[in-house]
Amino acid sequence: MSTSFFLAGVMQGSGRAIDARDQSYRATLRRVIESLRPDAVVHDPHELVLARYRDRVPELRQALTAVADSPVVVRERLDPVVRELLDVFHEMAKLAADSDVCVAWLPGNEPSMGTAAEMYGAYTAGRTVVTITDMRYNVAVLSCSTVILPDVAAFSDWLLKDGDPLCTTS
């Protein structure tokens, strides 16, 4: 039986662009997982969203900029492409909850509301939530993590030694 992993992490952060943050951590996490768990299924929401919207990214950026510039936002009045993206956000949070392991990448001290939603969904579904961060003081991180690790090397070590989600309880 293969284990499924969901790669949660800062995408937009506090920026106004829809993909403002460096996403190279995703390839690194995927390589670690696939090298230690060759049968693993890895779900990467960044890849999934880009595949779905590849030709529409400029349209999304423009629509989100318009939302950011609006003093009042009413969901039902949003551009249809933004409402569609909001549905995809919920779809990704559900995928995190349906995966065996949610790996949350929260570098430095930058929290991520999307990552928090994915972590919460996975944790409340009884999944293993592995958070790679220095934010051990953050109540949301503490509340929704099964394991908190400092870096990718520690994640690799955890996968090698303790990373069986069927044996880890939250």
Protein backbone atom coordinates (compact mmCIF):
# COMPACT_ATOMS: atom_id res chain seq x y z
CA MET A 1 0.00 0.00 0.00
CA SER A 2 1.49 3.34 -1.01
CA THR A 3 1.50 6.37 1.23
CA SER A 4 0.16 9.66 -0.09
CA PHE A 5 1.86 12.95 0.74
CA PHE A 6 0.45 16.46 0.33
CA LEU A 7 3.00 19.28 -0.02
CA ALA A 8 1.64 22.30 1.83
CA GLY A 9 3.63 25.49 2.07
CA VAL A 10 3.88 29.18 1.43
CA MET A 11 2.72 30.04 -2.07
CA GLN A 12 1.31 33.52 -1.95
CA GLY A 13 2.19 34.40 1.63
CA SER A 14 1.44 38.01 2.36
CA GLY A 15 2.22 39.08 -1.21
CA ARG A 16 -0.32 40.34 -3.70
CA ALA A 17 0.81 38.14 -6.59
CA ILE A 18 -0.69 34.66 -6.89
CA ASP A 19 2.74 33.00 -6.96
CA ALA A 20 5.12 35.44 -5.34
CA ARG A 21 7.22 33.05 -3.27
CA ASP A 22 10.04 30.73 -4.30
CA GLN A 23 8.58 27.26 -4.83
CA SER A 24 11.84 25.32 -5.19
CA TYR A 25 11.27 23.68 -1.81
CA ARG A 26 8.56 21.58 -3.46
CA ALA A 27 11.00 19.79 -5.76
CA THR A 28 13.35 19.23 -2.83
CA LEU A 29 10.60 17.70 -0.67
CA ARG A 30 9.40 15.57 -3.58
CA ARG A 31 12.95 14.25 -4.18
CA VAL A 32 13.35 13.35 -0.50
CA ILE A 33 10.00 11.59 -0.36
CA GLU A 34 10.45 9.70 -3.63
CA SER A 35 14.01 8.65 -2.78
CA LEU A 36 12.94 7.17 0.57
CA ARG A 37 9.45 6.06 -0.45
CA PRO A 38 9.59 5.09 -4.14
CA ASP A 39 5.95 3.96 -4.10
CA ALA A 40 4.68 7.21 -2.59
CA VAL A 41 2.03 9.34 -4.23
CA VAL A 42 2.95 13.02 -3.93
CA HIS A 43 0.26 15.68 -4.34
CA ASP A 44 1.65 19.13 -5.04
CA PRO A 45 -1.06 21.82 -5.11
CA HIS A 46 1.28 24.25 -6.86
CA GLU A 47 1.70 21.83 -9.77
CA LEU A 48 -2.01 21.01 -9.80
CA VAL A 49 -3.08 24.66 -9.86
CA LEU A 50 -0.52 25.58 -12.53
CA ALA A 51 -1.61 22.65 -14.69
CA ARG A 52 -5.21 23.74 -14.40
CA TYR A 53 -4.58 27.45 -15.01
CA ARG A 54 -1.39 27.42 -17.10
CA ASP A 55 -2.82 29.59 -19.89
CA ARG A 56 -4.92 31.72 -17.55
CA VAL A 57 -2.30 32.90 -15.03
CA PRO A 58 -2.22 36.48 -16.41
CA GLU A 59 -6.02 36.61 -16.18
CA LEU A 60 -5.88 35.37 -12.57
CA ARG A 61 -3.21 37.90 -11.62
CA GLN A 62 -5.26 40.73 -13.07
CA ALA A 63 -8.45 39.58 -11.36
CA LEU A 64 -6.73 39.16 -7.98
CA THR A 65 -5.14 42.59 -8.30
CA ALA A 66 -8.62 44.04 -8.85
CA VAL A 67 -9.82 42.29 -5.67
CA ALA A 68 -6.84 43.61 -3.70
CA ASP A 69 -7.68 47.13 -4.83
CA SER A 70 -11.35 46.86 -3.80
CA PRO A 71 -12.35 48.42 -0.48
CA VAL A 72 -15.24 45.95 -0.07
CA VAL A 73 -15.21 42.38 -1.36
CA VAL A 74 -18.41 40.38 -1.81
CA ARG A 75 -17.72 36.81 -2.85
CA GLU A 76 -20.76 36.50 -5.12
CA ARG A 77 -19.62 39.59 -7.05
CA LEU A 78 -16.06 38.42 -7.66
CA ASP A 79 -14.79 37.76 -11.15
CA PRO A 80 -15.80 34.18 -12.08
CA VAL A 81 -12.14 33.17 -12.48
CA VAL A 82 -11.46 34.26 -8.88
CA ARG A 83 -14.49 32.34 -7.59
CA GLU A 84 -13.23 29.30 -9.50
CA LEU A 85 -9.80 29.69 -7.86
CA LEU A 86 -11.47 29.89 -4.44
CA ASP A 87 -13.18 26.58 -5.14
CA VAL A 88 -9.78 25.11 -6.08
CA PHE A 89 -8.42 26.35 -2.72
CA HIS A 90 -11.10 24.29 -0.95
CA GLU A 91 -10.38 21.34 -3.24
CA MET A 92 -6.69 21.45 -2.28
CA ALA A 93 -7.53 21.65 1.45
CA LYS A 94 -9.68 18.55 1.03
CA LEU A 95 -6.87 16.78 -0.82
CA ALA A 96 -4.57 17.58 2.14
CA ALA A 97 -7.15 16.04 4.48
CA ASP A 98 -7.45 12.97 2.27
CA SER A 99 -3.67 12.38 2.06
CA ASP A 100 -1.86 10.18 4.57
CA VAL A 101 0.78 12.82 5.36
CA CYS A 102 0.59 16.58 5.03
CA VAL A 103 4.09 18.05 4.83
CA ALA A 104 3.91 21.76 5.69
CA TRP A 105 6.82 24.01 4.70
CA LEU A 106 6.87 27.23 6.73
CA PRO A 107 10.34 28.77 6.47
CA GLY A 108 11.57 31.57 8.69
CA ASN A 109 8.75 33.26 10.51
CA GLU A 110 6.28 33.69 7.67
CA PRO A 111 2.92 32.13 8.42
CA SER A 112 0.68 31.06 5.57
CA MET A 113 -3.09 31.11 5.82
CA GLY A 114 -3.47 28.55 3.02
CA THR A 115 -0.99 26.21 4.65
CA ALA A 116 -2.80 26.64 7.97
CA ALA A 117 -6.09 25.63 6.33
CA GLU A 118 -4.46 22.55 4.79
CA MET A 119 -2.77 21.62 8.07
CA TYR A 120 -6.02 22.03 10.00
CA GLY A 121 -7.95 19.92 7.50
CA ALA A 122 -5.37 17.15 7.58
CA TYR A 123 -5.02 17.22 11.38
CA THR A 124 -8.78 17.12 12.03
CA ALA A 125 -9.04 14.22 9.55
CA GLY A 126 -6.58 12.30 11.73
CA ARG A 127 -3.71 12.51 9.25
CA THR A 128 -0.04 12.94 10.07
CA VAL A 129 0.99 16.59 9.76
CA VAL A 130 4.75 17.12 9.54
CA THR A 131 5.67 20.79 9.76
CA ILE A 132 9.11 21.99 8.74
CA THR A 133 9.61 25.32 10.49
CA ASP A 134 11.28 27.30 13.24
CA MET A 135 7.88 28.53 14.48
CA ARG A 136 7.60 26.28 17.50
CA TYR A 137 5.99 29.15 19.43
CA ASN A 138 3.09 29.58 16.99
CA VAL A 139 -0.12 28.21 18.50
CA ALA A 140 -1.60 27.27 15.11
CA VAL A 141 1.57 25.35 14.19
CA LEU A 142 1.62 23.59 17.56
CA SER A 143 -2.10 22.80 17.41
CA CYS A 144 -2.13 21.30 13.93
CA SER A 145 1.23 19.49 13.78
CA THR A 146 1.90 15.88 14.61
CA VAL A 147 5.66 16.42 14.24
CA ILE A 148 7.63 19.68 13.96
CA LEU A 149 11.06 19.49 12.33
CA PRO A 150 13.68 22.20 11.78
CA ASP A 151 14.77 21.46 8.19
CA VAL A 152 14.75 19.12 5.20
CA ALA A 153 17.57 16.99 6.65
CA ALA A 154 15.49 16.35 9.77
CA PHE A 155 12.48 15.55 7.55
CA SER A 156 14.57 13.03 5.62
CA ASP A 157 15.75 11.48 8.89
CA TRP A 158 12.17 11.35 10.22
CA LEU A 159 10.97 9.64 7.04
CA LEU A 160 13.77 7.12 7.31
CA LYS A 161 13.28 6.32 11.00
CA ASP A 162 9.77 7.28 12.15
CA GLY A 163 7.80 8.31 9.11
CA ASP A 164 5.11 5.64 9.01
CA PRO A 165 1.83 7.58 9.12
CA LEU A 166 -0.04 4.42 9.99
CA CYS A 167 1.92 4.19 13.25
CA THR A 168 1.94 7.89 14.15
CA THR A 169 -0.95 9.26 16.15
CA SER A 170 -1.92 12.88 16.51
